[in-house]
């Protein structure tokens, strides 16, 4: 039996949760990007963190961040190349209580985040 999935800490929820192409040529079902995948993209690509730093911020192993990051990039590439909508939702996450500080470009380093259901 596999080990239970560890809850991943996210420091904020996306303002916009759906993205998609305009016009004709849209194909297939929307792609779902998990909140943990969104957070890894935010930390590594937007905030410029290394995988080790992102892992510490999210409370998971570096190898987990690497796996999440690779999956997120594949999904985003599929959405762009194949003209599919992208939705950001779901996942086993906890939202940081000090998320206002984190989302301003800082790293709260808070380890005592209580589990919360993502809003929305």
Protein backbone atom coordinates (compact mmCIF):
# COMPACT_ATOMS: atom_id res chain seq x y z
CA UNK A 1 0.00 0.00 0.00
CA UNK A 2 1.45 3.40 -0.96
CA UNK A 3 2.34 5.97 1.65
CA UNK A 4 -0.33 8.67 2.17
CA UNK A 5 0.25 11.86 0.21
CA UNK A 6 1.78 14.64 2.31
CA UNK A 7 -0.20 17.87 2.42
CA UNK A 8 1.58 20.63 0.50
CA UNK A 9 1.69 24.18 1.88
CA UNK A 10 0.68 26.99 -0.49
CA UNK A 11 1.07 30.65 0.38
CA UNK A 12 -1.78 31.93 -1.71
CA UNK A 13 -4.56 31.07 -4.08
CA UNK A 14 -4.62 32.29 -7.65
CA UNK A 15 -6.61 35.42 -8.41
CA UNK A 16 -7.62 34.01 -11.80
CA UNK A 17 -8.37 30.31 -11.89
CA UNK A 18 -9.16 29.81 -15.58
CA UNK A 19 -7.16 30.63 -18.68
CA UNK A 20 -7.87 29.73 -22.26
CA UNK A 21 -7.40 30.49 -25.89
CA UNK A 22 -9.61 32.90 -27.79
CA UNK A 23 -11.27 32.16 -31.07
CA UNK A 24 -11.60 28.91 -32.94
CA UNK A 25 -9.29 25.95 -32.77
CA UNK A 26 -9.82 25.14 -29.09
CA UNK A 27 -9.49 21.43 -28.52
CA UNK A 28 -10.77 18.97 -25.97
CA UNK A 29 -11.40 19.14 -22.28
CA UNK A 30 -9.73 21.76 -20.08
CA UNK A 31 -6.51 20.80 -18.34
CA UNK A 32 -6.52 20.96 -14.55
CA UNK A 33 -3.44 22.38 -12.85
CA UNK A 34 -3.46 21.56 -9.13
CA UNK A 35 -2.93 24.24 -6.51
CA UNK A 36 0.37 22.60 -5.56
CA UNK A 37 1.49 22.76 -9.20
CA UNK A 38 0.48 26.43 -9.34
CA UNK A 39 2.49 27.13 -6.17
CA UNK A 40 5.63 25.41 -7.51
CA UNK A 41 5.45 27.44 -10.73
CA UNK A 42 4.96 30.62 -8.68
CA UNK A 43 7.88 29.90 -6.37
CA UNK A 44 10.40 28.70 -8.96
CA UNK A 45 9.53 30.69 -12.08
CA UNK A 46 8.10 33.90 -10.60
CA UNK A 47 9.90 34.23 -7.25
CA UNK A 48 13.15 32.73 -8.59
CA UNK A 49 13.57 30.14 -5.84
CA UNK A 50 15.69 27.03 -6.20
CA UNK A 51 13.91 23.68 -5.89
CA UNK A 52 15.35 23.21 -2.39
CA UNK A 53 13.95 26.57 -1.25
CA UNK A 54 10.56 25.84 -2.78
CA UNK A 55 10.50 22.45 -1.07
CA UNK A 56 11.22 24.02 2.32
CA UNK A 57 8.52 26.63 1.76
CA UNK A 58 5.96 23.97 0.82
CA UNK A 59 7.00 21.47 3.49
CA UNK A 60 7.86 18.64 1.08
CA UNK A 61 10.99 16.96 -0.29
CA UNK A 62 12.99 18.49 -3.15
CA UNK A 63 12.27 15.43 -5.28
CA UNK A 64 8.55 16.01 -4.74
CA UNK A 65 8.91 19.63 -5.91
CA UNK A 66 10.83 18.44 -8.96
CA UNK A 67 8.07 15.97 -9.83
CA UNK A 68 5.31 18.56 -9.30
CA UNK A 69 7.24 21.13 -11.37
CA UNK A 70 7.74 18.74 -14.29
CA UNK A 71 4.05 17.78 -14.30
CA UNK A 72 2.96 21.44 -14.16
CA UNK A 73 5.19 22.41 -17.07
CA UNK A 74 3.88 19.52 -19.18
CA UNK A 75 0.29 20.60 -18.49
CA UNK A 76 0.99 24.25 -19.32
CA UNK A 77 2.77 23.26 -22.54
CA UNK A 78 -0.18 21.03 -23.52
CA UNK A 79 -2.59 23.91 -22.92
CA UNK A 80 -0.55 26.37 -25.00
CA UNK A 81 0.45 24.07 -27.87
CA UNK A 82 -2.91 22.32 -28.24
CA UNK A 83 -5.15 25.31 -27.56
CA UNK A 84 -6.78 23.90 -24.43
CA UNK A 85 -8.19 25.79 -21.48
CA UNK A 86 -6.30 25.63 -18.18
CA UNK A 87 -8.06 25.49 -14.81
CA UNK A 88 -6.31 25.85 -11.46
CA UNK A 89 -8.02 23.89 -8.71
CA UNK A 90 -7.79 21.00 -6.29
CA UNK A 91 -5.04 19.09 -4.62
CA UNK A 92 -4.08 18.09 -1.11
CA UNK A 93 -2.93 21.50 0.14
CA UNK A 94 -2.93 23.69 3.22
CA UNK A 95 -3.10 27.45 2.86
CA UNK A 96 -0.53 29.35 4.92
CA UNK A 97 -2.03 31.51 7.66
CA UNK A 98 0.54 34.21 6.89
CA UNK A 99 -0.13 34.16 3.15
CA UNK A 100 -0.34 37.97 2.83
CA UNK A 101 3.40 38.21 3.64
CA UNK A 102 4.34 35.34 1.33
CA UNK A 103 2.44 36.71 -1.64
CA UNK A 104 4.31 40.05 -1.38
CA UNK A 105 7.48 38.27 -2.44
CA UNK A 106 8.62 37.27 1.02
CA UNK A 107 8.95 33.87 2.56
CA UNK A 108 7.22 33.59 5.88
CA UNK A 109 8.95 30.28 6.67
CA UNK A 110 5.93 29.49 8.79
CA UNK A 111 5.85 25.83 9.76
CA UNK A 112 2.74 25.91 11.94
CA UNK A 113 0.18 26.41 9.20
CA UNK A 114 -3.15 24.91 10.11
CA UNK A 115 -4.89 22.80 7.50
CA UNK A 116 -7.48 24.87 5.71
CA UNK A 117 -9.73 24.13 2.78
CA UNK A 118 -8.88 26.30 -0.20
CA UNK A 119 -11.44 29.04 -0.71
CA UNK A 120 -13.71 28.89 -3.72
